[in-house]
């Protein structure tokens, strides 16, 4: 699995400012549960001084997504909204003592949620509907503008870099040619030549390879049920529960019950379940609420 810093682990297992802020007057929502990551950032901002008095987050995603959201709220509290807007995705990653390259898109999601929240506070429309640029990656709905911004800001040099920072190209790979065209154009503006054989911009921590064929589906179901059984006592103690509904390949559909059903922390709970499953099983497992089954399958 990925090599996480102690700060990432701390913010994942002991997240700061989890949940929605009461009397929030700034809300930013980015991502999509069907794509694997979603973040809702809520802020309470002083109307006169524009100082961020409180910040909270609700995240659906992996440990890096939760850690990035947690540390972002710690960074921006006490700053004015203009000062907060100067916080970059590199700042978020640096505060966590780094993220695996494959997880840098989590820090980008935090930056976008902040931009959306500030726009909401100011009564402005924050566009995330790709009207500004051509949609390049249809799998993850990433447009050319975002890819260009990330190439400039993070000195990206390869398609692999772009995938690590934006997820673009991480699905069917049909957009790789379009990503290469953007890299060639931007690098030319920077006085460089695009080399499709170049190594990634940063050393890549090699994850343990996914081995979907290493277990039969029945073995995978039994293993998932075993992990859920280990986690259930803690959920039950808080008045909630979880049950496994269906397993399709590497996607596990779960039903959150009791206090966990509809709870503002449900997304974080699911993220924790997903992280634990990946640690125990040594392969990528996506955990999705059973309510999403029909929509995703549509």
C-alpha atoms as a PDB file:
ATOM      1  CA  UNK A   1       0.000   0.000   0.000  1.00  0.00           C
ATOM      2  CA  UNK A   2       0.985   3.682  -0.086  1.00  0.00           C
ATOM      3  CA  UNK A   3       3.529   5.082   2.333  1.00  0.00           C
ATOM      4  CA  UNK A   4       1.643   7.692   4.376  1.00  0.00           C
ATOM      5  CA  UNK A   5       3.320  10.196   6.693  1.00  0.00           C
ATOM      6  CA  UNK A   6       2.533  10.204  10.406  1.00  0.00           C
ATOM      7  CA  UNK A   7       0.626  13.478   9.934  1.00  0.00           C
ATOM      8  CA  UNK A   8      -1.607  11.923   7.275  1.00  0.00           C
ATOM      9  CA  UNK A   9      -2.333   9.010   9.592  1.00  0.00           C
ATOM     10  CA  UNK A  10      -3.049  11.361  12.511  1.00  0.00           C
ATOM     11  CA  UNK A  11      -5.489  13.509  10.517  1.00  0.00           C
ATOM     12  CA  UNK A  12      -7.194  10.384   9.195  1.00  0.00           C
ATOM     13  CA  UNK A  13      -7.608   8.608  12.518  1.00  0.00           C
ATOM     14  CA  UNK A  14      -8.116  11.837  14.506  1.00  0.00           C
ATOM     15  CA  UNK A  15      -9.667  14.296  12.028  1.00  0.00           C
ATOM     16  CA  UNK A  16      -9.967  17.922  13.068  1.00  0.00           C
ATOM     17  CA  UNK A  17     -13.180  19.911  12.539  1.00  0.00           C
ATOM     18  CA  UNK A  18     -15.158  16.980  11.142  1.00  0.00           C
ATOM     19  CA  UNK A  19     -18.813  17.688  10.463  1.00  0.00           C
ATOM     20  CA  UNK A  20     -20.773  20.754   9.380  1.00  0.00           C
ATOM     21  CA  UNK A  21     -20.280  24.150  11.024  1.00  0.00           C
ATOM     22  CA  UNK A  22     -23.348  25.584  12.746  1.00  0.00           C
ATOM     23  CA  UNK A  23     -24.549  28.905  11.302  1.00  0.00           C
ATOM     24  CA  UNK A  24     -22.228  28.495   8.322  1.00  0.00           C
ATOM     25  CA  UNK A  25     -22.410  31.334   5.807  1.00  0.00           C
ATOM     26  CA  UNK A  26     -20.030  29.803   3.257  1.00  0.00           C
ATOM     27  CA  UNK A  27     -20.436  26.364   1.715  1.00  0.00           C
ATOM     28  CA  UNK A  28     -18.307  24.715  -0.966  1.00  0.00           C
ATOM     29  CA  UNK A  29     -19.098  21.339  -2.496  1.00  0.00           C
ATOM     30  CA  UNK A  30     -16.859  19.541  -4.993  1.00  0.00           C
ATOM     31  CA  UNK A  31     -16.358  16.041  -6.328  1.00  0.00           C
ATOM     32  CA  UNK A  32     -18.757  13.189  -6.866  1.00  0.00           C
ATOM     33  CA  UNK A  33     -19.434  10.051  -4.840  1.00  0.00           C
ATOM     34  CA  UNK A  34     -19.667   8.048  -8.084  1.00  0.00           C
ATOM     35  CA  UNK A  35     -16.094   9.139  -8.919  1.00  0.00           C
ATOM     36  CA  UNK A  36     -14.842   8.105  -5.505  1.00  0.00           C
ATOM     37  CA  UNK A  37     -14.230  11.450  -3.753  1.00  0.00           C
ATOM     38  CA  UNK A  38     -16.540  14.235  -2.603  1.00  0.00           C
ATOM     39  CA  UNK A  39     -16.007  17.111  -0.164  1.00  0.00           C
ATOM     40  CA  UNK A  40     -18.395  19.567   1.503  1.00  0.00           C
ATOM     41  CA  UNK A  41     -16.595  22.444   3.218  1.00  0.00           C
ATOM     42  CA  UNK A  42     -18.553  24.751   5.545  1.00  0.00           C
ATOM     43  CA  UNK A  43     -17.220  28.021   6.966  1.00  0.00           C
ATOM     44  CA  UNK A  44     -18.440  30.659   9.375  1.00  0.00           C
ATOM     45  CA  UNK A  45     -16.977  33.962   8.233  1.00  0.00           C
ATOM     46  CA  UNK A  46     -17.218  37.291  10.067  1.00  0.00           C
ATOM     47  CA  UNK A  47     -19.197  39.552   7.750  1.00  0.00           C
ATOM     48  CA  UNK A  48     -17.168  42.665   8.612  1.00  0.00           C
ATOM     49  CA  UNK A  49     -13.577  41.461   8.914  1.00  0.00           C
ATOM     50  CA  UNK A  50     -14.014  38.469   6.555  1.00  0.00           C
ATOM     51  CA  UNK A  51     -12.012  36.351   8.995  1.00  0.00           C
ATOM     52  CA  UNK A  52     -12.813  32.630   8.956  1.00  0.00           C
ATOM     53  CA  UNK A  53     -13.961  31.954  12.510  1.00  0.00           C
ATOM     54  CA  UNK A  54     -14.725  28.255  12.086  1.00  0.00           C
ATOM     55  CA  UNK A  55     -14.402  25.586   9.425  1.00  0.00           C
ATOM     56  CA  UNK A  56     -15.746  22.066   9.100  1.00  0.00           C
ATOM     57  CA  UNK A  57     -15.714  19.321   6.510  1.00  0.00           C
ATOM     58  CA  UNK A  58     -17.671  16.269   5.410  1.00  0.00           C
ATOM     59  CA  UNK A  59     -15.696  13.998   3.111  1.00  0.00           C
ATOM     60  CA  UNK A  60     -16.466  10.854   1.154  1.00  0.00           C
ATOM     61  CA  UNK A  61     -13.225   9.274   0.058  1.00  0.00           C
ATOM     62  CA  UNK A  62      -9.960   7.658   1.068  1.00  0.00           C
ATOM     63  CA  UNK A  63      -7.675   8.418   3.998  1.00  0.00           C
ATOM     64  CA  UNK A  64      -5.783  11.047   1.990  1.00  0.00           C
ATOM     65  CA  UNK A  65      -9.031  12.861   1.160  1.00  0.00           C
ATOM     66  CA  UNK A  66     -10.029  12.949   4.832  1.00  0.00           C
ATOM     67  CA  UNK A  67      -6.549  14.026   5.964  1.00  0.00           C
ATOM     68  CA  UNK A  68      -6.349  16.756   3.301  1.00  0.00           C
ATOM     69  CA  UNK A  69      -9.764  18.110   4.292  1.00  0.00           C
ATOM     70  CA  UNK A  70      -8.900  17.992   7.987  1.00  0.00           C
ATOM     71  CA  UNK A  71      -5.609  19.837   7.661  1.00  0.00           C
ATOM     72  CA  UNK A  72      -7.156  22.409   5.300  1.00  0.00           C
ATOM     73  CA  UNK A  73      -9.654  23.459   7.969  1.00  0.00           C
ATOM     74  CA  UNK A  74      -6.800  23.870  10.450  1.00  0.00           C
ATOM     75  CA  UNK A  75      -4.783  25.990   8.015  1.00  0.00           C
ATOM     76  CA  UNK A  76      -7.543  28.435   7.096  1.00  0.00           C
ATOM     77  CA  UNK A  77      -9.143  29.080  10.499  1.00  0.00           C
ATOM     78  CA  UNK A  78      -8.188  32.582  11.625  1.00  0.00           C
ATOM     79  CA  UNK A  79      -7.277  33.736   8.106  1.00  0.00           C
ATOM     80  CA  UNK A  80      -9.250  36.226   6.054  1.00  0.00           C
ATOM     81  CA  UNK A  81     -10.931  34.759   2.997  1.00  0.00           C
ATOM     82  CA  UNK A  82      -8.358  36.462   0.765  1.00  0.00           C
ATOM     83  CA  UNK A  83      -5.510  34.958   2.789  1.00  0.00           C
ATOM     84  CA  UNK A  84      -7.205  31.567   2.640  1.00  0.00           C
ATOM     85  CA  UNK A  85      -7.435  31.769  -1.144  1.00  0.00           C
ATOM     86  CA  UNK A  86      -3.637  31.953  -1.251  1.00  0.00           C
ATOM     87  CA  UNK A  87      -3.477  28.428   0.201  1.00  0.00           C
ATOM     88  CA  UNK A  88      -2.433  26.075  -2.612  1.00  0.00           C
ATOM     89  CA  UNK A  89      -2.738  22.340  -2.945  1.00  0.00           C
ATOM     90  CA  UNK A  90       1.043  22.195  -2.421  1.00  0.00           C
ATOM     91  CA  UNK A  91       0.563  23.956   0.934  1.00  0.00           C
ATOM     92  CA  UNK A  92      -2.009  21.341   1.964  1.00  0.00           C
ATOM     93  CA  UNK A  93       0.307  18.475   1.000  1.00  0.00           C
ATOM     94  CA  UNK A  94       3.298  20.118   2.662  1.00  0.00           C
ATOM     95  CA  UNK A  95       1.385  20.540   5.934  1.00  0.00           C
ATOM     96  CA  UNK A  96       0.825  16.772   5.869  1.00  0.00           C
ATOM     97  CA  UNK A  97       4.561  16.156   5.289  1.00  0.00           C
ATOM     98  CA  UNK A  98       3.710  15.092   1.769  1.00  0.00           C
ATOM     99  CA  UNK A  99       1.196  12.859   0.028  1.00  0.00           C
ATOM    100  CA  UNK A 100       1.872   9.907  -2.264  1.00  0.00           C
ATOM    101  CA  UNK A 101       1.874  11.235  -5.848  1.00  0.00           C
ATOM    102  CA  UNK A 102      -1.157   9.051  -6.627  1.00  0.00           C
ATOM    103  CA  UNK A 103      -3.087  10.930  -3.924  1.00  0.00           C
ATOM    104  CA  UNK A 104      -2.232  14.537  -4.804  1.00  0.00           C
ATOM    105  CA  UNK A 105      -5.681  14.987  -6.345  1.00  0.00           C
ATOM    106  CA  UNK A 106      -7.037  14.943  -2.760  1.00  0.00           C
ATOM    107  CA  UNK A 107      -5.199  18.185  -1.977  1.00  0.00           C
ATOM    108  CA  UNK A 108      -6.506  19.688  -5.223  1.00  0.00           C
ATOM    109  CA  UNK A 109     -10.069  18.824  -4.176  1.00  0.00           C
ATOM    110  CA  UNK A 110      -9.551  20.725  -0.910  1.00  0.00           C
ATOM    111  CA  UNK A 111      -8.343  23.809  -2.760  1.00  0.00           C
ATOM    112  CA  UNK A 112     -11.357  23.737  -5.071  1.00  0.00           C
ATOM    113  CA  UNK A 113     -13.795  23.328  -2.170  1.00  0.00           C
ATOM    114  CA  UNK A 114     -12.249  26.403  -0.536  1.00  0.00           C
ATOM    115  CA  UNK A 115     -12.637  28.424  -3.730  1.00  0.00           C
ATOM    116  CA  UNK A 116     -16.269  27.324  -3.994  1.00  0.00           C
ATOM    117  CA  UNK A 117     -16.970  28.243  -0.353  1.00  0.00           C
ATOM    118  CA  UNK A 118     -15.457  31.723  -0.704  1.00  0.00           C
ATOM    119  CA  UNK A 119     -17.474  32.308  -3.878  1.00  0.00           C
ATOM    120  CA  UNK A 120     -20.596  31.239  -1.987  1.00  0.00           C
ATOM    121  CA  UNK A 121     -19.790  33.668   0.850  1.00  0.00           C
ATOM    122  CA  UNK A 122     -19.419  36.513  -1.630  1.00  0.00           C
ATOM    123  CA  UNK A 123     -22.601  35.656  -3.484  1.00  0.00           C
ATOM    124  CA  UNK A 124     -20.673  34.714  -6.588  1.00  0.00           C
ATOM    125  CA  UNK A 125     -21.141  31.699  -8.826  1.00  0.00           C
ATOM    126  CA  UNK A 126     -18.283  29.233  -8.723  1.00  0.00           C
ATOM    127  CA  UNK A 127     -18.375  27.311 -11.970  1.00  0.00           C
ATOM    128  CA  UNK A 128     -17.421  23.658 -11.890  1.00  0.00           C
ATOM    129  CA  UNK A 129     -19.509  22.747 -14.899  1.00  0.00           C
ATOM    130  CA  UNK A 130     -16.652  22.835 -17.429  1.00  0.00           C
ATOM    131  CA  UNK A 131     -18.050  25.719 -19.438  1.00  0.00           C
ATOM    132  CA  UNK A 132     -14.609  27.356 -19.372  1.00  0.00           C
ATOM    133  CA  UNK A 133     -12.792  24.542 -21.114  1.00  0.00           C
ATOM    134  CA  UNK A 134     -13.247  21.473 -23.243  1.00  0.00           C
ATOM    135  CA  UNK A 135     -14.026  18.302 -21.314  1.00  0.00           C
ATOM    136  CA  UNK A 136     -10.938  16.115 -21.730  1.00  0.00           C
ATOM    137  CA  UNK A 137     -11.517  13.202 -19.339  1.00  0.00           C
ATOM    138  CA  UNK A 138     -15.131  12.022 -19.437  1.00  0.00           C
ATOM    139  CA  UNK A 139     -14.574   9.309 -16.822  1.00  0.00           C
ATOM    140  CA  UNK A 140     -13.830  11.877 -14.101  1.00  0.00           C
ATOM    141  CA  UNK A 141     -15.264  15.022 -15.746  1.00  0.00           C
ATOM    142  CA  UNK A 142     -11.933  16.895 -15.897  1.00  0.00           C
ATOM    143  CA  UNK A 143     -11.631  19.770 -18.343  1.00  0.00           C
ATOM    144  CA  UNK A 144      -8.685  21.288 -20.188  1.00  0.00           C
ATOM    145  CA  UNK A 145      -8.584  24.380 -17.958  1.00  0.00           C
ATOM    146  CA  UNK A 146      -8.026  22.361 -14.795  1.00  0.00           C
ATOM    147  CA  UNK A 147      -5.345  20.213 -16.428  1.00  0.00           C
ATOM    148  CA  UNK A 148      -3.516  23.285 -17.709  1.00  0.00           C
ATOM    149  CA  UNK A 149      -3.658  24.948 -14.276  1.00  0.00           C
ATOM    150  CA  UNK A 150      -2.252  21.860 -12.574  1.00  0.00           C
ATOM    151  CA  UNK A 151       0.537  21.476 -15.169  1.00  0.00           C
ATOM    152  CA  UNK A 152       1.588  25.105 -14.606  1.00  0.00           C
ATOM    153  CA  UNK A 153       1.233  25.129 -10.801  1.00  0.00           C
ATOM    154  CA  UNK A 154       2.841  21.764 -10.079  1.00  0.00           C
ATOM    155  CA  UNK A 155       5.398  21.457 -12.877  1.00  0.00           C
ATOM    156  CA  UNK A 156       3.801  18.314 -14.262  1.00  0.00           C
ATOM    157  CA  UNK A 157       5.615  16.618 -17.113  1.00  0.00           C
ATOM    158  CA  UNK A 158       3.865  13.337 -17.889  1.00  0.00           C
ATOM    159  CA  UNK A 159       0.397  11.872 -18.319  1.00  0.00           C
ATOM    160  CA  UNK A 160       1.050   9.941 -15.110  1.00  0.00           C
ATOM    161  CA  UNK A 161       1.676  13.227 -13.284  1.00  0.00           C
ATOM    162  CA  UNK A 162      -1.610  14.637 -14.577  1.00  0.00           C
ATOM    163  CA  UNK A 163      -3.492  11.516 -13.451  1.00  0.00           C
ATOM    164  CA  UNK A 164      -1.952  11.730  -9.968  1.00  0.00           C
ATOM    165  CA  UNK A 165      -2.987  15.365  -9.530  1.00  0.00           C
ATOM    166  CA  UNK A 166      -6.391  15.409 -11.267  1.00  0.00           C
ATOM    167  CA  UNK A 167      -7.482  11.756 -11.845  1.00  0.00           C
ATOM    168  CA  UNK A 168      -7.756  12.594 -15.560  1.00  0.00           C
ATOM    169  CA  UNK A 169      -6.591   9.596 -17.567  1.00  0.00           C
ATOM    170  CA  UNK A 170      -7.099   7.169 -14.716  1.00  0.00           C
ATOM    171  CA  UNK A 171     -10.144   5.495 -16.237  1.00  0.00           C
ATOM    172  CA  UNK A 172     -10.489   4.206 -19.789  1.00  0.00           C
ATOM    173  CA  UNK A 173      -7.300   6.001 -20.957  1.00  0.00           C
ATOM    174  CA  UNK A 174      -8.997   7.287 -24.126  1.00  0.00           C
ATOM    175  CA  UNK A 175      -8.099  10.853 -23.091  1.00  0.00           C
ATOM    176  CA  UNK A 176      -4.344  10.248 -22.887  1.00  0.00           C
ATOM    177  CA  UNK A 177      -3.807  11.738 -26.332  1.00  0.00           C
ATOM    178  CA  UNK A 178      -5.677  14.891 -25.309  1.00  0.00           C
ATOM    179  CA  UNK A 179      -3.633  15.158 -22.113  1.00  0.00           C
ATOM    180  CA  UNK A 180      -0.418  14.800 -24.116  1.00  0.00           C
ATOM    181  CA  UNK A 181      -1.535  17.640 -26.416  1.00  0.00           C
ATOM    182  CA  UNK A 182      -2.081  19.896 -23.402  1.00  0.00           C
ATOM    183  CA  UNK A 183       1.298  18.941 -21.935  1.00  0.00           C
ATOM    184  CA  UNK A 184       3.014  19.633 -25.255  1.00  0.00           C
ATOM    185  CA  UNK A 185       1.339  23.050 -25.556  1.00  0.00           C
ATOM    186  CA  UNK A 186       1.973  24.190 -21.976  1.00  0.00           C
ATOM    187  CA  UNK A 187       5.543  22.922 -21.866  1.00  0.00           C
ATOM    188  CA  UNK A 188       6.258  24.713 -25.131  1.00  0.00           C
ATOM    189  CA  UNK A 189       5.035  27.939 -23.509  1.00  0.00           C
ATOM    190  CA  UNK A 190       7.495  27.229 -20.703  1.00  0.00           C
ATOM    191  CA  UNK A 191      10.329  26.755 -23.182  1.00  0.00           C
ATOM    192  CA  UNK A 192      10.458  22.988 -22.841  1.00  0.00           C
ATOM    193  CA  UNK A 193       9.768  20.004 -25.062  1.00  0.00           C
ATOM    194  CA  UNK A 194       7.270  17.339 -24.101  1.00  0.00           C
ATOM    195  CA  UNK A 195       8.906  13.928 -23.746  1.00  0.00           C
ATOM    196  CA  UNK A 196       6.335  11.091 -23.578  1.00  0.00           C
ATOM    197  CA  UNK A 197       9.044   8.777 -22.231  1.00  0.00           C
ATOM    198  CA  UNK A 198      10.062  11.092 -19.357  1.00  0.00           C
ATOM    199  CA  UNK A 199       9.889   9.923 -15.758  1.00  0.00           C
ATOM    200  CA  UNK A 200       7.224  11.455 -13.494  1.00  0.00           C
ATOM    201  CA  UNK A 201       7.996  14.833 -11.923  1.00  0.00           C
ATOM    202  CA  UNK A 202       8.272  13.338  -8.437  1.00  0.00           C
ATOM    203  CA  UNK A 203       9.299   9.894  -7.206  1.00  0.00           C
ATOM    204  CA  UNK A 204       6.261   7.684  -7.243  1.00  0.00           C
ATOM    205  CA  UNK A 205       5.561   5.477  -4.248  1.00  0.00           C
ATOM    206  CA  UNK A 206       4.715   2.145  -5.783  1.00  0.00           C
ATOM    207  CA  UNK A 207       1.466   0.768  -4.368  1.00  0.00           C
ATOM    208  CA  UNK A 208       0.959  -2.887  -3.829  1.00  0.00           C
ATOM    209  CA  UNK A 209      -0.540  -4.025  -7.135  1.00  0.00           C
ATOM    210  CA  UNK A 210      -4.218  -4.689  -7.332  1.00  0.00           C
ATOM    211  CA  UNK A 211      -4.906  -8.390  -7.611  1.00  0.00           C
ATOM    212  CA  UNK A 212      -8.580  -8.733  -8.473  1.00  0.00           C
ATOM    213  CA  UNK A 213      -7.990 -12.352  -9.425  1.00  0.00           C
ATOM    214  CA  UNK A 214      -6.211 -13.270  -6.186  1.00  0.00           C
ATOM    215  CA  UNK A 215      -9.520 -13.960  -4.401  1.00  0.00           C
ATOM    216  CA  UNK A 216     -12.736 -15.472  -5.590  1.00  0.00           C
ATOM    217  CA  UNK A 217     -15.755 -13.219  -5.115  1.00  0.00           C
ATOM    218  CA  UNK A 218     -16.956 -15.485  -2.308  1.00  0.00           C
ATOM    219  CA  UNK A 219     -13.593 -15.186  -0.533  1.00  0.00           C
ATOM    220  CA  UNK A 220     -13.694 -11.416  -0.964  1.00  0.00           C
ATOM    221  CA  UNK A 221     -17.214 -11.217   0.478  1.00  0.00           C
ATOM    222  CA  UNK A 222     -16.227 -13.288   3.503  1.00  0.00           C
ATOM    223  CA  UNK A 223     -13.148 -11.137   4.097  1.00  0.00           C
ATOM    224  CA  UNK A 224     -15.169  -7.927   3.861  1.00  0.00           C
ATOM    225  CA  UNK A 225     -17.781  -9.301   6.252  1.00  0.00           C
ATOM    226  CA  UNK A 226     -15.004 -10.236   8.689  1.00  0.00           C
ATOM    227  CA  UNK A 227     -13.601  -6.684   8.660  1.00  0.00           C
ATOM    228  CA  UNK A 228     -17.080  -5.173   9.082  1.00  0.00           C
ATOM    229  CA  UNK A 229     -17.709  -7.450  12.060  1.00  0.00           C
ATOM    230  CA  UNK A 230     -14.528  -6.133  13.678  1.00  0.00           C
ATOM    231  CA  UNK A 231     -15.670  -2.531  13.151  1.00  0.00           C
ATOM    232  CA  UNK A 232     -19.331  -2.970  14.136  1.00  0.00           C
ATOM    233  CA  UNK A 233     -18.882  -2.768  17.954  1.00  0.00           C
ATOM    234  CA  UNK A 234     -17.570   0.810  17.713  1.00  0.00           C
ATOM    235  CA  UNK A 235     -20.479   1.805  15.474  1.00  0.00           C
ATOM    236  CA  UNK A 236     -23.041   0.084  17.691  1.00  0.00           C
ATOM    237  CA  UNK A 237     -21.614   1.893  20.722  1.00  0.00           C
ATOM    238  CA  UNK A 238     -22.507   5.168  18.977  1.00  0.00           C
ATOM    239  CA  UNK A 239     -26.012   3.934  18.145  1.00  0.00           C
ATOM    240  CA  UNK A 240     -25.267   2.956  14.561  1.00  0.00           C
ATOM    241  CA  UNK A 241     -24.429  -0.123  12.536  1.00  0.00           C
ATOM    242  CA  UNK A 242     -23.383  -1.274   9.073  1.00  0.00           C
ATOM    243  CA  UNK A 243     -24.301  -4.253   6.931  1.00  0.00           C
ATOM    244  CA  UNK A 244     -22.903  -5.554   3.670  1.00  0.00           C
ATOM    245  CA  UNK A 245     -25.488  -5.499   0.882  1.00  0.00           C
ATOM    246  CA  UNK A 246     -23.611  -6.531  -2.258  1.00  0.00           C
ATOM    247  CA  UNK A 247     -20.110  -6.955  -3.648  1.00  0.00           C
ATOM    248  CA  UNK A 248     -19.461  -6.375  -7.337  1.00  0.00           C
ATOM    249  CA  UNK A 249     -15.808  -6.877  -8.227  1.00  0.00           C
ATOM    250  CA  UNK A 250     -13.872  -4.449  -6.047  1.00  0.00           C
ATOM    251  CA  UNK A 251     -16.931  -2.380  -5.067  1.00  0.00           C
ATOM    252  CA  UNK A 252     -18.680  -3.104  -1.781  1.00  0.00           C
ATOM    253  CA  UNK A 253     -22.173  -1.685  -1.229  1.00  0.00           C
ATOM    254  CA  UNK A 254     -23.076  -1.145   2.425  1.00  0.00           C
ATOM    255  CA  UNK A 255     -26.168  -0.073   4.299  1.00  0.00           C
ATOM    256  CA  UNK A 256     -25.590   2.384   7.150  1.00  0.00           C
ATOM    257  CA  UNK A 257     -28.117   1.793   9.927  1.00  0.00           C
ATOM    258  CA  UNK A 258     -29.336   3.486  13.090  1.00  0.00           C
ATOM    259  CA  UNK A 259     -27.513   6.674  14.014  1.00  0.00           C
ATOM    260  CA  UNK A 260     -25.149   6.146  11.066  1.00  0.00           C
ATOM    261  CA  UNK A 261     -28.027   6.487   8.588  1.00  0.00           C
ATOM    262  CA  UNK A 262     -28.185  10.046   7.346  1.00  0.00           C
ATOM    263  CA  UNK A 263     -25.582  11.170   9.896  1.00  0.00           C
ATOM    264  CA  UNK A 264     -23.366  14.076   8.844  1.00  0.00           C
ATOM    265  CA  UNK A 265     -20.393  11.847   9.663  1.00  0.00           C
ATOM    266  CA  UNK A 266     -21.622   8.931   7.531  1.00  0.00           C
ATOM    267  CA  UNK A 267     -19.315   9.813   4.626  1.00  0.00           C
ATOM    268  CA  UNK A 268     -16.317   9.821   6.967  1.00  0.00           C
ATOM    269  CA  UNK A 269     -17.408   6.514   8.478  1.00  0.00           C
ATOM    270  CA  UNK A 270     -17.627   4.958   5.028  1.00  0.00           C
ATOM    271  CA  UNK A 271     -14.197   6.413   4.192  1.00  0.00           C
ATOM    272  CA  UNK A 272     -12.789   4.779   7.324  1.00  0.00           C
ATOM    273  CA  UNK A 273     -14.350   1.452   6.399  1.00  0.00           C
ATOM    274  CA  UNK A 274     -12.875   1.691   2.907  1.00  0.00           C
ATOM    275  CA  UNK A 275      -9.415   2.516   4.248  1.00  0.00           C
ATOM    276  CA  UNK A 276      -9.517  -0.375   6.707  1.00  0.00           C
ATOM    277  CA  UNK A 277     -10.629  -2.835   4.029  1.00  0.00           C
ATOM    278  CA  UNK A 278      -7.769  -1.806   1.743  1.00  0.00           C
ATOM    279  CA  UNK A 279      -5.245  -2.149   4.558  1.00  0.00           C
ATOM    280  CA  UNK A 280      -6.451  -5.632   5.507  1.00  0.00           C
ATOM    281  CA  UNK A 281      -7.084  -6.999   2.013  1.00  0.00           C
ATOM    282  CA  UNK A 282      -4.096  -5.461   0.263  1.00  0.00           C
ATOM    283  CA  UNK A 283      -6.132  -4.413  -2.771  1.00  0.00           C
ATOM    284  CA  UNK A 284      -8.265  -1.481  -3.836  1.00  0.00           C
ATOM    285  CA  UNK A 285     -11.794  -1.680  -2.429  1.00  0.00           C
ATOM    286  CA  UNK A 286     -14.392   1.014  -3.083  1.00  0.00           C
ATOM    287  CA  UNK A 287     -17.135   1.282  -0.445  1.00  0.00           C
ATOM    288  CA  UNK A 288     -20.404   2.824  -1.647  1.00  0.00           C
ATOM    289  CA  UNK A 289     -23.724   3.413   0.165  1.00  0.00           C
ATOM    290  CA  UNK A 290     -26.364   0.952  -1.025  1.00  0.00           C
ATOM    291  CA  UNK A 291     -28.569   3.932  -1.937  1.00  0.00           C
ATOM    292  CA  UNK A 292     -26.114   4.656  -4.765  1.00  0.00           C
ATOM    293  CA  UNK A 293     -26.486   1.238  -6.388  1.00  0.00           C
ATOM    294  CA  UNK A 294     -29.336   2.123  -8.734  1.00  0.00           C
ATOM    295  CA  UNK A 295     -27.876   5.488  -9.731  1.00  0.00           C
ATOM    296  CA  UNK A 296     -24.419   4.131 -10.463  1.00  0.00           C
ATOM    297  CA  UNK A 297     -25.813   1.184 -12.382  1.00  0.00           C
ATOM    298  CA  UNK A 298     -28.064   3.436 -14.473  1.00  0.00           C
END
